[in-house]
Amino acid sequence: MKSVSAVASEAAESRAAEQMNGARIVAEVLGAYGVPAVTFIPGEGILEIVDALAVHAPQIALASFRHEAGMAYAAQAIGQLRDQPGICLAARAPGALNTTLAVHTAFTDSAPMILIVGQASQAISGREAMLNPDDFQRVFGPLTKWVGQIDAPERIGEMFARAWHVAMSGRRGPVVLVLPEDVALAHAELRVPVMPRLPAPSISRGDLEQLRGMLQTAQRPLIIAGGTGWQHASLDALTTLAREHHIPVATTYRRRDLMDHDDAVFVGEIGIGIDPALAQRVREADLLIVLNGRLGELNTLGEGFKGYALIEANTEQRSRTQRLVHIHADANELNTVYQADLAILAEANAAVDAWREASAPSSPWCDVQAFNARRQWLGELRAARLAYIASGRCDGPLDLRVVYATLNDALKDDAVVTSGAGAYAIWPQRYLRHRRPGTQLGPKSGAMGYGLAAAIGVALVLEPGRQIVAIAGDGCLMMHSEELETAVRLGVSLLVLVVNNRAYGAIDAAQRRLFGRTAGTELGQIDFAALAAAFGVKSWVVDETAAFAPALDAALAAPGVRLIELRVPRSVGKPLA
């Protein structure tokens, strides 16, 4: 009797010998690459691909959304959470152009994603075909790593493999593949390329020796870890290194799940909402090791919300008191704004593995004086972190600090929490504990409406039983509240928390700070429980602290999509000191 693998191999060879249209080739290639889900909205340009996926790749979950931004956010979340690009399909111009903010979000979040756009037939290109721009390169070029157009069905496999490689290599990000309708309908033999073997450059022996020399006398070193593409084993190794060398570890903005918050080496998150004490310690560090993180505006925010102020950009002035090591897999991220004392082109996991192999507990890469100073330094930073999450207040009848303390106790360590943008997001950023990697998703682009769609994407690919919580403000959720219907229709299980203060909270606070008055930030009262019920969502309203725990217990015990509306005064923005 033939083995299952032998039968599958023969079936693949048989299909490869067939002539099939381009749409089916796309479906076969996605299936062969192990794509778990494809998000889309059916429309002109992709109808053949959707049909081919439904018929010839039934193992791939087809998830139809209500808005193209929602489906692309979901694909971005899948790409960031899993070690492969998220895949989404967009119809001609109205659909494709609706994805632009989500594509930008994938770029700023370094999330691998492939957007396949249906294009009018090549025979009518340049004629302003209905619902179609003639040059998607000009539309998506500034927002992506690469835009490719497939000109023949024979090249579908080749172009998809290239898109996969580009999305996953160096700084990960989005890629757009344009598929004209005539190519989707034309026939060719199936050619499934081998999945690209991704390059993983490591630290050279010379760079390791230079890093060792810098650590030898550093008394106040600080690791700032960030970025995407991490393997859990490498993060464990990084934690071990930090413990052995007594080096505190902070994370870049919205990468706080890279470290176990209960570990003594974790000292917080930089970026929006940074603890002022941590900001001061970043400036005081005599050695900064930025590992896989970008030194853009968000990660260098200083006092007064000023970018590129947390770390001194002037090399000569900084080097008098602080040396900078920057390790990143993309050469374009090195020596841009910040000229590093040691710039290392290396993939994060390979870099940590090489450092771990070259280090040993008996050889902590520093002299006795530095080692003793580091122990005190680490203790101070950790104490500041614990003080920060134990402080702050929330005025009004519903205390959000208690809300997140209760949520901490109720969620499992592997629960995934998503959020969008707004003042409400500072609360979970400060008070919600993360214990494992891959449990936190939020846009670095500032995109509102992200959290719900991202949570749906997560639910499509995670094993059943995992807790998923989407946190949103009232202004944020209303950007894409239509995806509540998507979640119900797809039968996913997730909980939505809506912080309703009837205002665009972050901008409301900014206007008051800048001008002493507001304009356009006050929002009307929405009964989110009633709105959710209209979509078939079970919901609760909480407007005082004591009511949250029973509502949360009931929501977590219920199946399907659930929503808790947290009603707070307009004055409740970010935590008060």
Protein backbone atom coordinates (compact mmCIF):
# COMPACT_ATOMS: atom_id res chain seq x y z
CA MET A 1 0.00 0.00 0.00
CA LYS A 2 1.29 3.45 -0.90
CA SER A 3 2.00 5.96 1.86
CA VAL A 4 -0.06 9.12 2.21
CA SER A 5 2.97 11.24 1.25
CA ALA A 6 3.55 9.16 -1.88
CA VAL A 7 -0.07 9.58 -2.95
CA ALA A 8 0.14 13.34 -2.30
CA SER A 9 3.38 13.56 -4.30
CA GLU A 10 1.85 11.73 -7.25
CA ALA A 11 -1.20 14.00 -7.10
CA ALA A 12 1.02 17.08 -7.16
CA GLU A 13 2.97 15.70 -10.15
CA SER A 14 -0.32 14.96 -11.91
CA ARG A 15 -1.55 18.51 -11.31
CA ALA A 16 1.78 19.90 -12.47
CA ALA A 17 1.35 18.16 -15.81
CA GLU A 18 -2.08 19.72 -16.28
CA GLN A 19 -2.78 22.93 -18.12
CA MET A 20 -4.67 25.20 -15.71
CA ASN A 21 -5.61 28.83 -15.67
CA GLY A 22 -3.63 31.42 -13.76
CA ALA A 23 -6.23 31.75 -11.00
CA ARG A 24 -5.97 28.05 -10.19
CA ILE A 25 -2.17 28.25 -10.28
CA VAL A 26 -2.39 30.97 -7.62
CA ALA A 27 -4.59 28.71 -5.49
CA GLU A 28 -2.24 25.73 -5.90
CA VAL A 29 0.84 27.80 -5.02
CA LEU A 30 -0.82 29.27 -1.91
CA GLY A 31 -1.81 25.76 -0.84
CA ALA A 32 1.69 24.39 -1.43
CA TYR A 33 3.20 27.20 0.66
CA GLY A 34 1.00 26.33 3.63
CA VAL A 35 -1.03 29.53 3.67
CA PRO A 36 -3.64 29.05 6.44
CA ALA A 37 -6.06 31.85 5.53
CA VAL A 38 -6.77 34.41 2.82
CA THR A 39 -8.70 37.58 3.62
CA PHE A 40 -10.62 39.40 0.88
CA ILE A 41 -13.74 41.18 -0.31
CA PRO A 42 -15.11 39.70 -3.55
CA GLY A 43 -14.97 42.09 -6.50
CA GLU A 44 -13.90 42.69 -10.08
CA GLY A 45 -10.42 41.40 -10.81
CA ILE A 46 -10.23 38.64 -8.20
CA LEU A 47 -13.41 36.62 -8.81
CA GLU A 48 -11.49 33.87 -10.62
CA ILE A 49 -8.92 33.61 -7.81
CA VAL A 50 -11.60 33.42 -5.11
CA ASP A 51 -13.42 30.68 -7.01
CA ALA A 52 -10.19 28.73 -7.57
CA LEU A 53 -9.33 28.94 -3.86
CA ALA A 54 -12.81 27.76 -2.85
CA VAL A 55 -12.72 24.78 -5.22
CA HIS A 56 -9.06 23.75 -5.36
CA ALA A 57 -7.64 24.84 -1.98
CA PRO A 58 -10.40 24.13 0.55
CA GLN A 59 -7.82 23.76 3.34
CA ILE A 60 -7.27 27.54 3.19
CA ALA A 61 -9.77 29.54 5.23
CA LEU A 62 -11.45 32.11 2.99
CA ALA A 63 -12.48 35.10 5.11
CA SER A 64 -14.64 37.76 3.48
CA PHE A 65 -14.61 41.11 5.32
CA ARG A 66 -16.79 44.22 5.16
CA HIS A 67 -14.03 46.71 4.25
CA GLU A 68 -10.70 46.26 2.49
CA ALA A 69 -8.83 48.00 5.31
CA GLY A 70 -10.24 45.44 7.74
CA MET A 71 -9.22 42.48 5.61
CA ALA A 72 -5.71 43.92 5.14
CA TYR A 73 -5.32 44.64 8.88
CA ALA A 74 -6.25 41.01 9.50
CA ALA A 75 -3.63 39.82 7.00
CA GLN A 76 -1.05 42.12 8.58
CA ALA A 77 -1.81 40.64 12.00
CA ILE A 78 -1.47 37.11 10.63
CA GLY A 79 1.87 38.00 9.07
CA GLN A 80 3.17 39.58 12.26
CA LEU A 81 2.00 36.71 14.46
CA ARG A 82 3.10 33.79 12.27
CA ASP A 83 6.43 33.14 10.59
CA GLN A 84 5.04 33.68 7.07
CA PRO A 85 3.37 36.50 5.12
CA GLY A 86 -0.32 37.17 5.61
CA ILE A 87 -2.21 36.97 2.31
CA CYS A 88 -5.07 39.19 1.17
CA LEU A 89 -6.83 39.85 -2.14
CA ALA A 90 -8.08 43.22 -3.37
CA ALA A 91 -10.31 43.91 -6.34
CA ARG A 92 -9.76 46.71 -8.84
CA ALA A 93 -9.11 50.31 -7.76
CA PRO A 94 -11.88 50.93 -5.20
CA GLY A 95 -10.88 47.79 -3.33
CA ALA A 96 -7.14 48.13 -3.82
CA LEU A 97 -7.04 51.81 -2.81
CA ASN A 98 -9.07 51.09 0.33
CA THR A 99 -6.13 49.02 1.61
CA THR A 100 -3.53 51.77 1.56
CA LEU A 101 -3.54 52.67 5.28
CA ALA A 102 -3.42 48.98 6.23
CA VAL A 103 -0.54 48.40 3.81
CA HIS A 104 1.25 51.37 5.36
CA THR A 105 0.59 49.84 8.78
CA ALA A 106 2.19 46.57 7.67
CA PHE A 107 5.22 48.58 6.51
CA THR A 108 5.61 50.57 9.73
CA ASP A 109 5.05 47.41 11.81
CA SER A 110 7.59 45.39 9.75
CA ALA A 111 4.90 42.75 9.20
CA PRO A 112 5.26 40.41 6.20
CA MET A 113 2.20 40.57 3.97
CA ILE A 114 1.39 39.88 0.31
CA LEU A 115 -1.48 41.83 -1.22
CA ILE A 116 -2.66 40.36 -4.53
CA VAL A 117 -4.47 42.99 -6.59
CA GLY A 118 -6.74 42.16 -9.52
CA GLN A 119 -5.96 44.34 -12.54
CA ALA A 120 -7.77 44.94 -15.82
CA SER A 121 -6.54 42.90 -18.77
CA GLN A 122 -3.24 43.97 -20.29
CA ALA A 123 -4.96 44.50 -23.63
CA ILE A 124 -6.70 47.60 -22.27
CA SER A 125 -3.93 48.94 -20.04
CA GLY A 126 -3.30 52.66 -20.35
CA ARG A 127 -6.94 53.34 -21.32
CA GLU A 128 -8.30 54.19 -17.88
CA ALA A 129 -10.25 50.96 -17.66
CA MET A 130 -13.27 50.97 -15.39
CA LEU A 131 -12.41 50.87 -11.68
CA ASN A 132 -8.73 50.69 -12.42
CA PRO A 133 -5.63 52.92 -12.18
CA ASP A 134 -3.03 52.08 -14.81
CA ASP A 135 0.04 52.10 -12.56
CA PHE A 136 -0.11 50.34 -9.20
CA GLN A 137 3.64 50.84 -8.87
CA ARG A 138 3.06 54.57 -8.41
CA VAL A 139 0.19 53.91 -5.97
CA PHE A 140 1.84 51.32 -3.74
CA GLY A 141 5.54 51.87 -4.36
CA PRO A 142 6.09 54.31 -1.46
CA LEU A 143 4.11 52.08 0.94
CA THR A 144 5.69 48.69 0.26
CA LYS A 145 8.97 46.86 -0.15
CA TRP A 146 8.19 45.84 -3.73
CA VAL A 147 5.40 45.94 -6.33
CA GLY A 148 5.44 43.25 -9.01
CA GLN A 149 3.15 42.70 -11.97
CA ILE A 150 2.67 39.17 -13.31
CA ASP A 151 2.64 39.25 -17.11
CA ALA A 152 2.12 35.54 -17.89
CA PRO A 153 0.62 32.54 -16.06
CA GLU A 154 3.94 30.69 -16.43
CA ARG A 155 5.53 33.27 -14.12
CA ILE A 156 3.01 33.13 -11.25
CA GLY A 157 5.09 30.72 -9.16
CA GLU A 158 8.31 32.63 -9.80
CA MET A 159 6.78 35.98 -8.89
CA PHE A 160 5.05 34.64 -5.78
CA ALA A 161 8.29 33.08 -4.51
CA ARG A 162 10.05 36.41 -5.03
CA ALA A 163 7.26 38.25 -3.21
CA TRP A 164 7.52 35.79 -0.31
CA HIS A 165 11.29 36.28 -0.12
CA VAL A 166 11.08 40.08 -0.21
CA ALA A 167 8.32 40.20 2.41
CA MET A 168 10.29 37.97 4.80
CA SER A 169 13.86 39.17 4.28
CA GLY A 170 15.73 41.95 6.08
CA ARG A 171 13.19 44.33 7.55
CA ARG A 172 9.97 42.42 6.95
CA GLY A 173 7.06 44.18 5.31
CA PRO A 174 4.30 44.26 2.69
CA VAL A 175 4.59 43.36 -0.99
CA VAL A 176 2.00 43.90 -3.73
CA LEU A 177 1.51 41.47 -6.63
CA VAL A 178 -0.65 42.74 -9.50
CA LEU A 179 -2.44 40.03 -11.50
CA PRO A 180 -4.18 41.19 -14.71
CA GLU A 181 -7.44 39.40 -15.52
CA ASP A 182 -6.14 37.98 -18.82
CA VAL A 183 -3.25 36.34 -16.95
CA ALA A 184 -5.70 34.88 -14.42
CA LEU A 185 -7.68 33.35 -17.29
CA ALA A 186 -4.77 32.18 -19.48
CA HIS A 187 -3.51 28.60 -19.15
CA ALA A 188 -0.10 27.17 -18.33
CA GLU A 189 1.48 24.22 -16.54
CA LEU A 190 1.63 24.43 -12.76
CA ARG A 191 5.10 25.25 -11.49
CA VAL A 192 5.38 25.44 -7.71
CA PRO A 193 8.76 26.91 -6.76
CA VAL A 194 10.67 25.74 -3.72
CA MET A 195 9.93 27.96 -0.72
CA PRO A 196 12.74 30.55 -0.50
CA ARG A 197 15.48 29.84 2.01
CA LEU A 198 15.74 33.09 3.91
CA PRO A 199 19.18 34.59 4.56
CA ALA A 200 20.17 34.88 8.22
CA PRO A 201 23.43 36.84 8.45
CA SER A 202 25.10 36.54 11.83
CA ILE A 203 27.65 38.54 13.81
CA SER A 204 31.21 38.17 12.63
CA ARG A 205 33.96 37.14 15.03
CA GLY A 206 35.47 40.62 14.80
CA ASP A 207 32.17 42.32 15.70
CA LEU A 208 31.70 39.94 18.62
CA GLU A 209 35.14 40.85 19.93
CA GLN A 210 34.37 44.53 19.60
CA LEU A 211 31.06 44.05 21.42
CA ARG A 212 32.91 42.14 24.14
CA GLY A 213 35.35 45.04 24.49
CA MET A 214 32.52 47.54 24.88
CA LEU A 215 30.79 45.39 27.50
CA GLN A 216 34.04 44.85 29.41
CA THR A 217 33.88 48.20 31.16
CA ALA A 218 30.23 49.21 30.68
CA GLN A 219 28.65 49.93 34.07
CA ARG A 220 25.25 51.09 32.84
CA PRO A 221 24.43 49.02 29.72
CA LEU A 222 20.87 48.77 28.39
CA ILE A 223 19.48 46.45 25.71
CA ILE A 224 16.57 47.76 23.66
CA ALA A 225 14.95 44.84 21.81
CA GLY A 226 12.36 45.24 19.08
CA GLY A 227 11.28 44.33 15.60
CA THR A 228 9.66 41.22 14.15
CA GLY A 229 10.80 37.76 13.09
CA TRP A 230 11.90 36.58 16.52
CA GLN A 231 12.03 32.89 17.42
CA HIS A 232 10.92 32.01 20.95
CA ALA A 233 14.15 30.12 21.64
CA SER A 234 16.22 33.18 20.73
CA LEU A 235 14.18 35.40 23.04
CA ASP A 236 14.77 32.88 25.82
CA ALA A 237 18.50 33.03 25.03
CA LEU A 238 18.40 36.85 25.11
CA THR A 239 16.76 36.75 28.54
CA THR A 240 19.46 34.35 29.75
CA LEU A 241 22.20 36.63 28.41
CA ALA A 242 20.64 39.64 30.12
CA ARG A 243 20.52 37.78 33.43
CA GLU A 244 24.10 36.54 33.19
CA HIS A 245 25.50 39.94 32.24
CA HIS A 246 23.14 41.89 34.54
CA ILE A 247 21.87 44.01 31.65
CA PRO A 248 18.34 45.46 31.83
CA VAL A 249 16.15 44.98 28.73
CA ALA A 250 13.57 47.46 27.45
CA THR A 251 11.49 46.92 24.33
CA THR A 252 10.67 49.25 21.49
CA TYR A 253 7.19 50.68 21.09
CA ARG A 254 4.46 48.03 20.93
CA ARG A 255 6.94 45.18 21.19
CA ARG A 256 6.53 44.72 24.94
CA ASP A 257 5.51 41.06 24.52
CA LEU A 258 9.08 40.17 23.52
CA MET A 259 9.97 39.89 27.22
CA ASP A 260 8.30 38.24 30.20
CA HIS A 261 7.11 41.15 32.31
CA ASP A 262 7.66 39.15 35.47
CA ASP A 263 11.34 38.65 34.70
CA ALA A 264 13.74 40.80 36.73
CA VAL A 265 15.60 42.02 33.61
CA PHE A 266 12.51 43.58 31.95
CA VAL A 267 12.37 47.33 32.62
CA GLY A 268 9.68 48.69 30.30
CA GLU A 269 8.80 49.99 26.86
CA ILE A 270 10.06 53.08 25.06
CA GLY A 271 7.99 55.22 22.69
CA ILE A 272 4.59 56.81 23.36
CA GLY A 273 3.75 56.62 27.05
CA ILE A 274 7.32 55.89 28.16
CA ASP A 275 7.94 55.97 31.92
CA PRO A 276 9.86 59.24 32.56
CA ALA A 277 12.23 57.30 34.83
CA LEU A 278 13.06 54.87 32.01
CA ALA A 279 13.58 57.78 29.61
CA GLN A 280 16.09 59.25 32.02
CA ARG A 281 17.90 55.91 32.33
CA VAL A 282 18.12 55.58 28.54
CA ARG A 283 19.97 58.90 28.52
CA GLU A 284 22.18 57.79 31.42
CA ALA A 285 23.17 54.44 29.88
CA ASP A 286 26.86 54.28 28.97
CA LEU A 287 26.20 51.51 26.41
CA LEU A 288 22.98 51.13 24.38
CA ILE A 289 22.55 47.86 22.46
CA VAL A 290 19.61 48.28 20.06
CA LEU A 291 18.75 44.79 18.89
CA ASN A 292 16.46 44.37 15.86
CA GLY A 293 14.73 47.67 16.63
CA ARG A 294 14.37 50.72 14.42
CA LEU A 295 15.60 54.11 15.59
CA GLY A 296 12.77 56.07 14.05
CA GLU A 297 10.65 58.85 15.54
CA LEU A 298 8.42 56.66 17.74
CA ASN A 299 11.28 54.82 19.39
CA THR A 300 13.22 58.00 20.12
CA LEU A 301 10.44 60.18 21.55
CA GLY A 302 11.71 62.43 24.30
CA GLU A 303 10.13 65.09 26.46
CA GLY A 304 7.30 67.05 24.89
CA PHE A 305 6.56 64.25 22.44
CA LYS A 306 9.62 65.26 20.43
CA GLY A 307 11.08 62.64 18.12
CA TYR A 308 14.82 61.83 17.93
CA ALA A 309 15.30 63.38 21.37
CA LEU A 310 15.52 60.30 23.62
CA ILE A 311 18.93 59.38 22.21
CA GLU A 312 21.49 62.00 21.20
CA ALA A 313 21.80 62.00 17.40
CA ASN A 314 25.14 63.84 17.32
CA THR A 315 27.76 61.09 17.34
CA GLU A 316 30.58 63.11 18.86
CA GLN A 317 28.42 64.59 21.60
CA ARG A 318 26.82 61.23 22.44
CA SER A 319 30.07 59.27 22.42
CA ARG A 320 31.45 61.36 25.25
CA THR A 321 29.04 59.61 27.63
CA GLN A 322 27.32 56.85 25.66
CA ARG A 323 28.26 54.29 23.03
CA LEU A 324 25.68 52.87 20.63
CA VAL A 325 25.56 49.37 19.17
CA HIS A 326 22.86 48.82 16.54
CA ILE A 327 22.14 45.29 15.28
CA HIS A 328 19.66 44.88 12.42
CA ALA A 329 19.13 42.58 9.42
CA ASP A 330 18.46 45.47 7.03
CA ALA A 331 21.42 47.65 6.07
CA ASN A 332 19.03 50.57 5.39
CA GLU A 333 18.20 50.70 9.11
CA LEU A 334 21.83 51.18 10.14
CA ASN A 335 23.60 54.56 10.28
CA THR A 336 20.65 56.60 9.05
CA VAL A 337 19.78 59.23 11.67
CA TYR A 338 22.05 57.63 14.26
CA GLN A 339 25.67 56.82 13.46
CA ALA A 340 26.41 53.81 15.64
CA ASP A 341 29.76 53.19 17.31
CA LEU A 342 29.24 49.58 16.20
CA ALA A 343 26.76 48.86 13.40
CA ILE A 344 26.18 45.15 12.83
CA LEU A 345 24.27 43.73 9.86
CA ALA A 346 22.78 40.58 11.37
CA GLU A 347 19.46 38.78 11.69
CA ALA A 348 18.19 39.00 15.27
CA ASN A 349 17.96 35.29 16.07
CA ALA A 350 21.36 34.52 14.53
CA ALA A 351 22.90 37.48 16.39
CA VAL A 352 21.60 36.33 19.76
CA ASP A 353 22.63 32.73 19.10
CA ALA A 354 26.16 33.82 18.18
CA TRP A 355 26.42 36.03 21.27
CA ARG A 356 25.13 33.21 23.46
CA GLU A 357 27.66 30.74 22.06
CA ALA A 358 30.54 33.17 22.61
CA SER A 359 29.48 33.94 26.16
CA ALA A 360 29.41 31.80 29.30
CA PRO A 361 28.20 32.30 32.88
CA SER A 362 31.79 31.97 34.08
CA SER A 363 32.91 34.74 31.71
CA PRO A 364 30.47 37.67 32.03
CA TRP A 365 32.34 39.95 29.60
CA CYS A 366 33.14 42.61 32.20
CA ASP A 367 35.53 43.39 35.01
CA VAL A 368 34.56 43.11 38.67
CA GLN A 369 33.92 46.84 39.09
CA ALA A 370 31.59 46.96 36.11
CA PHE A 371 29.83 43.75 37.15
CA ASN A 372 29.02 45.11 40.62
CA ALA A 373 27.87 48.44 39.18
CA ARG A 374 25.58 46.63 36.74
CA ARG A 375 23.84 44.70 39.49
CA GLN A 376 22.93 47.98 41.17
CA TRP A 377 21.96 49.57 37.81
CA LEU A 378 19.64 46.67 36.92
CA GLY A 379 18.07 46.76 40.36
CA GLU A 380 17.34 50.47 40.05
CA LEU A 381 15.71 50.13 36.63
CA ARG A 382 13.61 47.16 37.70
CA ALA A 383 12.49 48.99 40.85
CA ALA A 384 11.50 51.99 38.71
CA ARG A 385 9.47 49.70 36.45
CA LEU A 386 7.59 48.16 39.37
CA ALA A 387 6.93 51.60 40.84
CA TYR A 388 5.58 52.84 37.50
CA ILE A 389 3.03 50.06 37.07
CA ALA A 390 1.97 50.42 40.72
CA SER A 391 1.33 54.15 40.41
CA GLY A 392 -1.05 56.41 38.52
CA ARG A 393 -4.75 57.01 38.98
CA CYS A 394 -8.02 57.07 37.07
CA ASP A 395 -10.62 59.62 38.15
CA GLY A 396 -14.30 58.74 37.91
CA PRO A 397 -16.61 55.90 38.94
CA LEU A 398 -14.88 53.32 36.72
CA ASP A 399 -11.20 52.83 37.61
CA LEU A 400 -9.34 51.55 34.55
CA ARG A 401 -6.39 50.49 36.69
CA VAL A 402 -8.68 48.01 38.43
CA VAL A 403 -10.08 46.96 35.04
CA TYR A 404 -6.63 45.94 33.79
CA ALA A 405 -5.62 44.36 37.09
CA THR A 406 -8.77 42.23 36.86
CA LEU A 407 -8.05 41.43 33.22
CA ASN A 408 -4.49 40.42 34.12
CA ASP A 409 -5.80 37.89 36.62
CA ALA A 410 -8.41 36.52 34.22
CA LEU A 411 -6.32 36.05 31.07
CA LYS A 412 -4.06 33.09 30.43
CA ASP A 413 -0.39 33.66 29.67
CA ASP A 414 -0.93 32.89 25.96
CA ALA A 415 -3.92 35.24 25.51
CA VAL A 416 -3.51 37.61 22.54
CA VAL A 417 -4.43 41.28 23.03
CA THR A 418 -4.88 43.68 20.12
CA SER A 419 -5.51 47.42 20.19
CA GLY A 420 -5.70 50.38 17.86
CA ALA A 421 -4.55 53.95 18.43
CA GLY A 422 -5.66 56.49 21.01
CA ALA A 423 -5.23 57.61 24.61
CA TYR A 424 -7.13 54.53 25.82
CA ALA A 425 -4.28 52.33 24.51
CA ILE A 426 -1.85 53.79 27.08
CA TRP A 427 -3.71 51.93 29.86
CA PRO A 428 -3.02 48.38 28.66
CA GLN A 429 0.44 49.49 27.55
CA ARG A 430 1.24 50.45 31.13
CA TYR A 431 -0.77 47.99 33.20
CA LEU A 432 -1.43 44.86 31.14
CA ARG A 433 1.11 42.12 31.75
CA HIS A 434 2.59 39.98 28.96
CA ARG A 435 4.30 36.68 29.69
CA ARG A 436 4.89 35.21 26.23
CA PRO A 437 5.91 36.42 22.75
CA GLY A 438 3.19 36.84 20.15
CA THR A 439 0.56 38.07 22.59
CA GLN A 440 0.40 41.78 21.71
CA LEU A 441 -0.52 43.51 18.45
CA GLY A 442 -0.95 47.23 17.85
CA PRO A 443 -0.21 49.55 14.92
CA LYS A 444 2.88 51.75 14.97
CA SER A 445 1.27 53.74 12.15
CA GLY A 446 -1.31 55.28 14.50
CA ALA A 447 -4.12 53.58 12.57
CA MET A 448 -7.48 53.71 14.33
CA GLY A 449 -9.84 50.79 13.81
CA TYR A 450 -7.02 48.25 13.77
CA GLY A 451 -7.74 46.21 16.90
CA LEU A 452 -10.97 44.42 15.96
CA ALA A 453 -9.87 43.44 12.44
CA ALA A 454 -6.49 42.28 13.74
CA ALA A 455 -8.21 40.15 16.38
CA ILE A 456 -10.29 38.48 13.67
CA GLY A 457 -7.13 37.69 11.72
CA VAL A 458 -5.57 36.21 14.84
CA ALA A 459 -8.68 34.09 15.46
CA LEU A 460 -8.48 32.67 11.93
CA VAL A 461 -5.06 31.10 12.46
CA LEU A 462 -4.69 30.34 16.17
CA GLU A 463 -5.70 27.02 17.66
CA PRO A 464 -9.20 26.92 19.20
CA GLY A 465 -9.39 27.83 22.85
CA ARG A 466 -6.86 30.68 22.81
CA GLN A 467 -8.21 33.83 24.44
CA ILE A 468 -8.29 36.86 22.12
CA VAL A 469 -9.13 40.36 23.36
CA ALA A 470 -9.50 43.45 21.15
CA ILE A 471 -9.30 46.77 23.01
CA ALA A 472 -10.63 49.94 21.39
CA GLY A 473 -11.77 53.45 22.17
CA ASP A 474 -15.17 54.61 20.98
CA GLY A 475 -13.62 56.71 18.22
CA CYS A 476 -11.30 53.87 17.28
CA LEU A 477 -13.95 51.14 17.07
CA MET A 478 -16.29 53.25 14.97
CA MET A 479 -13.64 53.47 12.25
CA HIS A 480 -14.33 49.79 11.45
CA SER A 481 -17.20 48.62 13.64
CA GLU A 482 -18.69 46.86 10.60
CA GLU A 483 -16.19 44.06 11.18
CA LEU A 484 -18.27 42.96 14.19
CA GLU A 485 -20.57 41.37 11.62
CA THR A 486 -17.55 39.72 9.98
CA ALA A 487 -16.46 38.19 13.28
CA VAL A 488 -19.95 36.82 13.97
CA ARG A 489 -20.37 35.45 10.43
CA LEU A 490 -16.97 33.76 10.47
CA GLY A 491 -17.79 32.14 13.80
CA VAL A 492 -14.65 33.27 15.60
CA SER A 493 -14.30 33.61 19.35
CA LEU A 494 -13.08 36.92 20.76
CA LEU A 495 -13.83 39.60 23.33
CA VAL A 496 -14.01 43.32 22.54
CA LEU A 497 -13.47 45.97 25.23
CA VAL A 498 -14.64 49.46 24.22
CA VAL A 499 -13.51 52.41 26.35
CA ASN A 500 -16.21 54.99 25.66
CA ASN A 501 -15.43 58.56 26.74
CA ARG A 502 -17.38 60.15 23.86
CA ALA A 503 -14.30 61.89 22.46
CA TYR A 504 -11.19 61.44 20.37
CA GLY A 505 -9.27 61.26 23.63
CA ALA A 506 -5.66 61.68 22.54
CA ILE A 507 -6.41 64.62 20.24
CA ASP A 508 -8.78 66.14 22.79
CA ALA A 509 -5.96 66.17 25.34
CA ALA A 510 -3.47 67.54 22.80
CA GLN A 511 -5.79 70.42 21.89
CA ARG A 512 -6.31 71.31 25.54
CA ARG A 513 -2.56 71.24 26.14
CA LEU A 514 -1.74 73.35 23.08
CA PHE A 515 -4.64 75.78 22.90
CA GLY A 516 -6.62 75.51 26.14
CA ARG A 517 -9.71 74.53 24.13
CA THR A 518 -10.98 71.80 21.77
CA ALA A 519 -12.53 71.65 18.34
CA GLY A 520 -14.11 68.62 16.69
CA THR A 521 -13.08 66.05 19.27
CA GLU A 522 -16.37 65.66 21.16
CA LEU A 523 -18.36 62.63 19.96
CA GLY A 524 -22.00 61.64 20.42
CA GLN A 525 -23.21 59.01 22.85
CA ILE A 526 -23.38 55.57 21.23
CA ASP A 527 -24.94 52.59 22.95
CA PHE A 528 -22.27 50.10 21.94
CA ALA A 529 -24.11 47.26 23.66
CA ALA A 530 -27.14 47.90 21.45
CA LEU A 531 -24.94 48.32 18.37
CA ALA A 532 -23.18 45.04 19.10
CA ALA A 533 -26.51 43.29 19.66
CA ALA A 534 -27.60 44.37 16.18
CA PHE A 535 -24.64 42.37 14.82
CA GLY A 536 -25.50 39.35 16.96
CA VAL A 537 -22.88 40.06 19.62
CA LYS A 538 -23.57 39.38 23.30
CA SER A 539 -22.74 42.53 25.24
CA TRP A 540 -22.49 44.20 28.64
CA VAL A 541 -22.32 47.83 29.83
CA VAL A 542 -20.02 48.73 32.74
CA ASP A 543 -19.96 52.22 34.23
CA GLU A 544 -18.59 51.55 37.73
CA THR A 545 -15.61 49.60 39.01
CA ALA A 546 -17.49 46.93 40.93
CA ALA A 547 -19.47 45.90 37.85
CA PHE A 548 -16.47 44.98 35.71
CA ALA A 549 -15.37 41.70 37.33
CA PRO A 550 -18.78 39.97 37.02
CA ALA A 551 -19.20 41.25 33.46
CA LEU A 552 -15.74 39.95 32.52
CA ASP A 553 -16.44 36.55 34.11
CA ALA A 554 -19.67 36.25 32.15
CA ALA A 555 -18.05 37.39 28.90
CA LEU A 556 -15.10 35.02 29.17
CA ALA A 557 -17.46 32.12 29.90
CA ALA A 558 -19.64 32.85 26.85
CA PRO A 559 -18.89 31.53 23.34
CA GLY A 560 -18.47 33.52 20.14
CA VAL A 561 -18.05 37.28 19.85
CA ARG A 562 -18.65 39.31 23.02
CA LEU A 563 -18.37 43.02 23.84
CA ILE A 564 -18.02 44.97 27.09
CA GLU A 565 -18.61 48.72 26.90
CA LEU A 566 -16.65 50.65 29.53
CA ARG A 567 -18.29 54.04 30.01
CA VAL A 568 -15.95 56.66 31.46
CA PRO A 569 -16.03 60.48 31.68
CA ARG A 570 -14.66 62.51 28.79
CA SER A 571 -11.85 63.65 31.05
CA VAL A 572 -10.46 60.10 31.25
CA GLY A 573 -7.59 59.91 28.79
CA LYS A 574 -4.22 58.41 29.63
CA PRO A 575 -3.35 57.52 33.26
CA LEU A 576 -2.84 60.47 35.58
CA ALA A 577 0.40 60.71 37.56
